[in-house]
Amino acid sequence: MFSDFDEYLKLPLPSDHWYDVGVEYVSGLVEKFQDSDWQALSDALCDRPAEWRTKCAEAIDVSSNKSAMHILLNLLAAPEDDVVIAAADSLRSREVLKNVVSEDEIARLRKIMAVGSPPARAVVGDLLNKLNREQLG
């Protein structure tokens, strides 16, 4: 299943096709992942370009598998802002984030808030608010 996921994310799809068709298709593949697929995805992350990792964060948003959370946290530490924003967007839909996002990652999110586009600030701000609520609660 991972090989199909990997190959699809490598396709040079127009963004409208990705959001209209691609995310749903690849999310369906993710729902069928076995432990070996999650391991292959984890192993492949560092070798894939930023666009692939951004799509990956968007595609695994729907998965409740604990490996999805681990991968999203890895993507949250990516050097590229687009990847971090996609990971933040997927993480903000998670139920519990308390004690899973590091202080370094929170500092990085705050930097993105300071210079990001309005949509990026909305996504990152929402995640930071959620983290703050969980710390207070």
N, C-alpha and C. Protein backbone atom coordinates (compact mmCIF):
# COMPACT_ATOMS: atom_id res chain seq x y z
N MET A 1 0.82 -1.19 0.00
CA MET A 1 0.00 0.00 0.00
C MET A 1 0.87 1.26 0.00
N PHE A 2 1.99 1.21 0.77
CA PHE A 2 2.86 2.39 0.80
C PHE A 2 3.39 2.73 -0.58
N SER A 3 3.73 1.75 -1.38
CA SER A 3 4.30 2.04 -2.70
C SER A 3 3.29 2.81 -3.57
N ASP A 4 2.00 2.47 -3.49
CA ASP A 4 0.98 3.22 -4.22
C ASP A 4 0.88 4.65 -3.71
N PHE A 5 0.90 4.80 -2.39
CA PHE A 5 0.86 6.11 -1.73
C PHE A 5 2.05 6.95 -2.20
N ASP A 6 3.24 6.36 -2.12
CA ASP A 6 4.47 7.04 -2.49
C ASP A 6 4.44 7.49 -3.95
N GLU A 7 4.06 6.60 -4.83
CA GLU A 7 4.04 6.94 -6.26
C GLU A 7 3.02 8.04 -6.56
N TYR A 8 1.88 8.00 -5.90
CA TYR A 8 0.86 9.02 -6.16
C TYR A 8 1.34 10.40 -5.69
N LEU A 9 2.01 10.43 -4.53
CA LEU A 9 2.50 11.72 -4.03
C LEU A 9 3.61 12.28 -4.91
N LYS A 10 4.28 11.44 -5.67
CA LYS A 10 5.34 11.89 -6.57
C LYS A 10 4.80 12.49 -7.86
N LEU A 11 3.53 12.25 -8.16
CA LEU A 11 2.95 12.77 -9.41
C LEU A 11 2.89 14.29 -9.38
N PRO A 12 3.19 14.93 -10.51
CA PRO A 12 3.11 16.40 -10.57
C PRO A 12 1.67 16.86 -10.83
N LEU A 13 0.84 16.73 -9.82
CA LEU A 13 -0.57 17.07 -9.98
C LEU A 13 -0.82 18.57 -9.78
N PRO A 14 -1.70 19.15 -10.56
CA PRO A 14 -2.10 20.54 -10.29
C PRO A 14 -2.77 20.59 -8.91
N SER A 15 -2.61 21.70 -8.21
CA SER A 15 -3.13 21.78 -6.83
C SER A 15 -4.64 21.57 -6.78
N ASP A 16 -5.38 22.05 -7.79
CA ASP A 16 -6.84 21.85 -7.73
C ASP A 16 -7.18 20.35 -7.83
N HIS A 17 -6.43 19.60 -8.64
CA HIS A 17 -6.67 18.16 -8.73
C HIS A 17 -6.30 17.48 -7.40
N TRP A 18 -5.19 17.90 -6.82
CA TRP A 18 -4.77 17.32 -5.54
C TRP A 18 -5.87 17.50 -4.50
N TYR A 19 -6.39 18.71 -4.36
CA TYR A 19 -7.39 18.97 -3.32
C TYR A 19 -8.77 18.44 -3.67
N ASP A 20 -9.10 18.35 -4.97
CA ASP A 20 -10.41 17.84 -5.37
C ASP A 20 -10.47 16.31 -5.38
N VAL A 21 -9.37 15.66 -5.75
CA VAL A 21 -9.38 14.22 -5.97
C VAL A 21 -8.27 13.52 -5.18
N GLY A 22 -7.08 14.06 -5.26
CA GLY A 22 -5.90 13.38 -4.74
C GLY A 22 -5.92 13.10 -3.26
N VAL A 23 -6.27 14.10 -2.45
CA VAL A 23 -6.25 13.90 -1.00
C VAL A 23 -7.19 12.77 -0.60
N GLU A 24 -8.36 12.75 -1.18
CA GLU A 24 -9.32 11.70 -0.84
C GLU A 24 -8.81 10.32 -1.26
N TYR A 25 -8.22 10.25 -2.45
CA TYR A 25 -7.69 8.98 -2.93
C TYR A 25 -6.59 8.46 -2.01
N VAL A 26 -5.62 9.32 -1.69
CA VAL A 26 -4.48 8.87 -0.89
C VAL A 26 -4.90 8.63 0.56
N SER A 27 -5.84 9.39 1.06
CA SER A 27 -6.34 9.13 2.41
C SER A 27 -6.99 7.75 2.48
N GLY A 28 -7.63 7.33 1.40
CA GLY A 28 -8.18 5.99 1.34
C GLY A 28 -7.09 4.92 1.41
N LEU A 29 -5.97 5.19 0.77
CA LEU A 29 -4.84 4.27 0.86
C LEU A 29 -4.31 4.21 2.30
N VAL A 30 -4.22 5.36 2.93
CA VAL A 30 -3.71 5.44 4.30
C VAL A 30 -4.58 4.62 5.25
N GLU A 31 -5.87 4.65 5.03
CA GLU A 31 -6.77 3.88 5.90
C GLU A 31 -6.52 2.38 5.81
N LYS A 32 -5.86 1.93 4.74
CA LYS A 32 -5.57 0.51 4.56
C LYS A 32 -4.14 0.15 4.98
N PHE A 33 -3.40 1.14 5.47
CA PHE A 33 -2.01 0.89 5.87
C PHE A 33 -1.92 -0.16 6.96
N GLN A 34 -0.93 -1.02 6.81
CA GLN A 34 -0.54 -1.98 7.84
C GLN A 34 0.69 -1.40 8.55
N ASP A 35 1.13 -2.06 9.60
CA ASP A 35 2.31 -1.58 10.33
C ASP A 35 3.52 -1.43 9.41
N SER A 36 3.69 -2.35 8.47
CA SER A 36 4.83 -2.28 7.57
C SER A 36 4.75 -1.05 6.65
N ASP A 37 3.54 -0.63 6.29
CA ASP A 37 3.37 0.58 5.47
C ASP A 37 3.76 1.82 6.27
N TRP A 38 3.33 1.86 7.51
CA TRP A 38 3.67 3.00 8.38
C TRP A 38 5.18 3.07 8.56
N GLN A 39 5.82 1.93 8.72
CA GLN A 39 7.27 1.91 8.89
C GLN A 39 7.95 2.38 7.61
N ALA A 40 7.47 1.94 6.46
CA ALA A 40 8.05 2.37 5.18
C ALA A 40 7.87 3.89 5.01
N LEU A 41 6.73 4.41 5.40
CA LEU A 41 6.50 5.85 5.32
C LEU A 41 7.46 6.59 6.23
N SER A 42 7.59 6.14 7.44
CA SER A 42 8.51 6.77 8.38
C SER A 42 9.94 6.75 7.86
N ASP A 43 10.34 5.63 7.29
CA ASP A 43 11.70 5.49 6.74
C ASP A 43 11.93 6.40 5.54
N ALA A 44 10.89 6.66 4.78
CA ALA A 44 11.02 7.43 3.53
C ALA A 44 10.98 8.94 3.74
N LEU A 45 10.49 9.41 4.86
CA LEU A 45 10.27 10.85 5.06
C LEU A 45 11.48 11.71 4.74
N CYS A 46 12.62 11.35 5.25
CA CYS A 46 13.78 12.23 5.08
C CYS A 46 14.30 12.27 3.65
N ASP A 47 13.91 11.30 2.84
CA ASP A 47 14.38 11.24 1.45
C ASP A 47 13.45 11.90 0.44
N ARG A 48 12.32 12.40 0.91
CA ARG A 48 11.33 12.94 0.00
C ARG A 48 11.37 14.47 -0.02
N PRO A 49 11.03 15.07 -1.16
CA PRO A 49 11.04 16.54 -1.25
C PRO A 49 9.92 17.17 -0.43
N ALA A 50 10.04 18.45 -0.22
CA ALA A 50 9.09 19.19 0.61
C ALA A 50 7.65 19.05 0.10
N GLU A 51 7.45 19.12 -1.20
CA GLU A 51 6.08 19.01 -1.73
C GLU A 51 5.46 17.66 -1.39
N TRP A 52 6.24 16.60 -1.48
CA TRP A 52 5.78 15.26 -1.14
C TRP A 52 5.40 15.20 0.34
N ARG A 53 6.27 15.75 1.20
CA ARG A 53 6.02 15.72 2.65
C ARG A 53 4.81 16.58 3.03
N THR A 54 4.60 17.67 2.30
CA THR A 54 3.41 18.49 2.54
C THR A 54 2.15 17.69 2.21
N LYS A 55 2.15 17.04 1.05
CA LYS A 55 1.01 16.20 0.67
C LYS A 55 0.81 15.06 1.66
N CYS A 56 1.90 14.50 2.14
CA CYS A 56 1.83 13.42 3.11
C CYS A 56 1.09 13.89 4.37
N ALA A 57 1.47 15.06 4.88
CA ALA A 57 0.81 15.60 6.07
C ALA A 57 -0.69 15.80 5.83
N GLU A 58 -1.03 16.26 4.65
CA GLU A 58 -2.44 16.47 4.32
C GLU A 58 -3.18 15.14 4.20
N ALA A 59 -2.51 14.13 3.69
CA ALA A 59 -3.16 12.84 3.44
C ALA A 59 -3.35 12.02 4.70
N ILE A 60 -2.45 12.12 5.66
CA ILE A 60 -2.59 11.29 6.87
C ILE A 60 -3.42 11.97 7.95
N ASP A 61 -3.94 13.12 7.64
CA ASP A 61 -4.80 13.86 8.57
C ASP A 61 -5.94 13.00 9.10
N VAL A 62 -6.52 12.17 8.27
CA VAL A 62 -7.71 11.39 8.65
C VAL A 62 -7.39 10.17 9.49
N SER A 63 -6.14 9.76 9.54
CA SER A 63 -5.80 8.52 10.22
C SER A 63 -5.73 8.70 11.73
N SER A 64 -6.33 7.75 12.43
CA SER A 64 -6.25 7.76 13.89
C SER A 64 -5.12 6.85 14.38
N ASN A 65 -4.38 6.27 13.47
CA ASN A 65 -3.28 5.40 13.83
C ASN A 65 -2.21 6.20 14.57
N LYS A 66 -1.65 5.62 15.62
CA LYS A 66 -0.62 6.33 16.41
C LYS A 66 0.60 6.66 15.56
N SER A 67 0.87 5.89 14.54
CA SER A 67 1.99 6.18 13.65
C SER A 67 1.77 7.48 12.89
N ALA A 68 0.53 7.78 12.57
CA ALA A 68 0.23 9.04 11.88
C ALA A 68 0.64 10.22 12.74
N MET A 69 0.33 10.15 14.04
CA MET A 69 0.71 11.22 14.96
C MET A 69 2.23 11.36 15.00
N HIS A 70 2.93 10.26 15.06
CA HIS A 70 4.40 10.29 15.09
C HIS A 70 4.96 10.95 13.82
N ILE A 71 4.41 10.60 12.69
CA ILE A 71 4.88 11.17 11.43
C ILE A 71 4.56 12.66 11.35
N LEU A 72 3.38 13.05 11.80
CA LEU A 72 3.03 14.48 11.80
C LEU A 72 3.97 15.26 12.71
N LEU A 73 4.33 14.70 13.83
CA LEU A 73 5.27 15.38 14.73
C LEU A 73 6.65 15.50 14.08
N ASN A 74 7.06 14.48 13.34
CA ASN A 74 8.32 14.57 12.59
C ASN A 74 8.24 15.68 11.54
N LEU A 75 7.11 15.76 10.86
CA LEU A 75 6.95 16.78 9.83
C LEU A 75 6.87 18.18 10.43
N LEU A 76 6.39 18.27 11.66
CA LEU A 76 6.32 19.56 12.34
C LEU A 76 7.72 20.14 12.58
N ALA A 77 8.71 19.28 12.59
CA ALA A 77 10.10 19.71 12.80
C ALA A 77 10.85 19.91 11.48
N ALA A 78 10.15 19.87 10.36
CA ALA A 78 10.79 20.02 9.04
C ALA A 78 11.40 21.41 8.88
N PRO A 79 12.42 21.54 8.05
CA PRO A 79 13.03 22.85 7.83
C PRO A 79 12.17 23.78 6.95
N GLU A 80 11.24 23.22 6.20
CA GLU A 80 10.43 24.04 5.28
C GLU A 80 9.12 24.46 5.96
N ASP A 81 8.82 25.75 5.87
CA ASP A 81 7.60 26.27 6.49
C ASP A 81 6.34 25.61 5.94
N ASP A 82 6.29 25.35 4.63
CA ASP A 82 5.09 24.74 4.04
C ASP A 82 4.80 23.37 4.65
N VAL A 83 5.83 22.61 4.90
CA VAL A 83 5.66 21.29 5.51
C VAL A 83 5.17 21.45 6.94
N VAL A 84 5.76 22.38 7.67
CA VAL A 84 5.37 22.63 9.06
C VAL A 84 3.90 23.07 9.14
N ILE A 85 3.50 23.93 8.24
CA ILE A 85 2.12 24.43 8.23
C ILE A 85 1.15 23.29 7.92
N ALA A 86 1.49 22.44 6.97
CA ALA A 86 0.62 21.29 6.65
C ALA A 86 0.52 20.35 7.85
N ALA A 87 1.65 20.10 8.51
CA ALA A 87 1.63 19.24 9.70
C ALA A 87 0.81 19.88 10.81
N ALA A 88 0.96 21.19 11.00
CA ALA A 88 0.19 21.90 12.02
C ALA A 88 -1.30 21.82 11.72
N ASP A 89 -1.65 21.95 10.46
CA ASP A 89 -3.06 21.87 10.06
C ASP A 89 -3.63 20.50 10.40
N SER A 90 -2.88 19.44 10.13
CA SER A 90 -3.35 18.10 10.45
C SER A 90 -3.36 17.84 11.96
N LEU A 91 -2.38 18.36 12.67
CA LEU A 91 -2.31 18.14 14.12
C LEU A 91 -3.42 18.84 14.88
N ARG A 92 -3.87 19.97 14.37
CA ARG A 92 -4.88 20.71 15.13
C ARG A 92 -6.22 19.98 15.19
N SER A 93 -6.41 18.97 14.36
CA SER A 93 -7.65 18.19 14.43
C SER A 93 -7.53 17.03 15.42
N ARG A 94 -6.36 16.83 16.00
CA ARG A 94 -6.16 15.73 16.96
C ARG A 94 -6.77 16.09 18.31
N GLU A 95 -7.24 15.06 18.99
CA GLU A 95 -7.88 15.26 20.28
C GLU A 95 -6.91 15.73 21.36
N VAL A 96 -5.82 15.03 21.51
CA VAL A 96 -4.88 15.34 22.60
C VAL A 96 -3.49 15.58 22.05
N LEU A 97 -2.96 16.74 22.37
CA LEU A 97 -1.61 17.08 21.94
C LEU A 97 -0.71 17.41 23.12
N LYS A 98 -1.29 17.44 24.29
CA LYS A 98 -0.54 17.84 25.48
C LYS A 98 0.74 17.00 25.60
N ASN A 99 1.84 17.70 25.81
CA ASN A 99 3.16 17.10 26.02
C ASN A 99 3.71 16.34 24.82
N VAL A 100 3.18 16.55 23.62
CA VAL A 100 3.75 15.87 22.46
C VAL A 100 4.45 16.84 21.51
N VAL A 101 4.18 18.13 21.63
CA VAL A 101 4.83 19.14 20.80
C VAL A 101 5.90 19.80 21.66
N SER A 102 7.14 19.78 21.18
CA SER A 102 8.26 20.30 21.98
C SER A 102 8.26 21.83 22.02
N GLU A 103 9.01 22.35 22.97
CA GLU A 103 9.17 23.81 23.08
C GLU A 103 9.84 24.38 21.83
N ASP A 104 10.79 23.64 21.25
CA ASP A 104 11.44 24.11 20.01
C ASP A 104 10.43 24.21 18.87
N GLU A 105 9.54 23.23 18.78
CA GLU A 105 8.52 23.26 17.73
C GLU A 105 7.54 24.40 17.97
N ILE A 106 7.19 24.65 19.23
CA ILE A 106 6.29 25.76 19.55
C ILE A 106 6.96 27.08 19.19
N ALA A 107 8.25 27.21 19.47
CA ALA A 107 8.98 28.43 19.09
C ALA A 107 8.99 28.61 17.58
N ARG A 108 9.17 27.53 16.85
CA ARG A 108 9.14 27.60 15.38
C ARG A 108 7.77 28.04 14.89
N LEU A 109 6.72 27.50 15.50
CA LEU A 109 5.36 27.89 15.12
C LEU A 109 5.14 29.37 15.39
N ARG A 110 5.65 29.87 16.47
CA ARG A 110 5.50 31.31 16.78
C ARG A 110 6.22 32.17 15.75
N LYS A 111 7.38 31.71 15.26
CA LYS A 111 8.09 32.45 14.21
C LYS A 111 7.27 32.48 12.93
N ILE A 112 6.66 31.37 12.59
CA ILE A 112 5.81 31.33 11.40
C ILE A 112 4.63 32.28 11.58
N MET A 113 4.09 32.32 12.79
CA MET A 113 2.97 33.25 13.06
C MET A 113 3.38 34.69 12.79
N ALA A 114 4.61 35.03 13.11
CA ALA A 114 5.08 36.40 12.96
C ALA A 114 5.25 36.83 11.50
N VAL A 115 5.58 35.89 10.64
CA VAL A 115 5.90 36.27 9.26
C VAL A 115 5.05 35.58 8.20
N GLY A 116 4.20 34.65 8.62
CA GLY A 116 3.44 33.85 7.66
C GLY A 116 2.32 34.62 6.99
N SER A 117 1.80 34.03 5.95
CA SER A 117 0.63 34.59 5.26
C SER A 117 -0.58 34.49 6.18
N PRO A 118 -1.64 35.24 5.88
CA PRO A 118 -2.84 35.13 6.72
C PRO A 118 -3.37 33.69 6.87
N PRO A 119 -3.44 32.89 5.80
CA PRO A 119 -3.89 31.51 6.01
C PRO A 119 -2.94 30.70 6.91
N ALA A 120 -1.63 30.90 6.72
CA ALA A 120 -0.66 30.19 7.56
C ALA A 120 -0.80 30.61 9.01
N ARG A 121 -0.98 31.91 9.24
CA ARG A 121 -1.17 32.39 10.62
C ARG A 121 -2.44 31.83 11.24
N ALA A 122 -3.49 31.68 10.44
CA ALA A 122 -4.74 31.12 10.97
C ALA A 122 -4.55 29.67 11.41
N VAL A 123 -3.88 28.88 10.59
CA VAL A 123 -3.65 27.46 10.90
C VAL A 123 -2.75 27.33 12.12
N VAL A 124 -1.62 28.01 12.07
CA VAL A 124 -0.65 27.90 13.16
C VAL A 124 -1.23 28.49 14.45
N GLY A 125 -1.92 29.61 14.33
CA GLY A 125 -2.54 30.22 15.52
C GLY A 125 -3.56 29.29 16.16
N ASP A 126 -4.32 28.61 15.35
CA ASP A 126 -5.31 27.66 15.87
C ASP A 126 -4.62 26.53 16.64
N LEU A 127 -3.54 26.01 16.08
CA LEU A 127 -2.80 24.94 16.77
C LEU A 127 -2.20 25.46 18.07
N LEU A 128 -1.60 26.65 18.04
CA LEU A 128 -1.01 27.21 19.26
C LEU A 128 -2.09 27.44 20.32
N ASN A 129 -3.24 27.92 19.92
CA ASN A 129 -4.35 28.11 20.87
C ASN A 129 -4.77 26.78 21.49
N LYS A 130 -4.85 25.76 20.67
CA LYS A 130 -5.21 24.44 21.19
C LYS A 130 -4.18 23.95 22.19
N LEU A 131 -2.92 24.12 21.87
CA LEU A 131 -1.85 23.71 22.79
C LEU A 131 -1.93 24.48 24.10
N ASN A 132 -2.22 25.79 24.03
CA ASN A 132 -2.36 26.60 25.23
C ASN A 132 -3.54 26.13 26.08
N ARG A 133 -4.66 25.84 25.44
CA ARG A 133 -5.85 25.36 26.17
C ARG A 133 -5.56 24.06 26.87
N GLU A 134 -4.84 23.17 26.20
CA GLU A 134 -4.52 21.87 26.80
C GLU A 134 -3.57 22.03 28.00
N GLN A 135 -2.66 23.00 27.94
CA GLN A 135 -1.75 23.22 29.05
C GLN A 135 -2.50 23.79 30.25
N LEU A 136 -3.47 24.64 29.98
CA LEU A 136 -4.24 25.25 31.06
C LEU A 136 -5.26 24.28 31.66
N GLY A 137 -5.72 23.34 30.82
CA GLY A 137 -6.78 22.41 31.25
C GLY A 137 -6.24 21.26 31.95
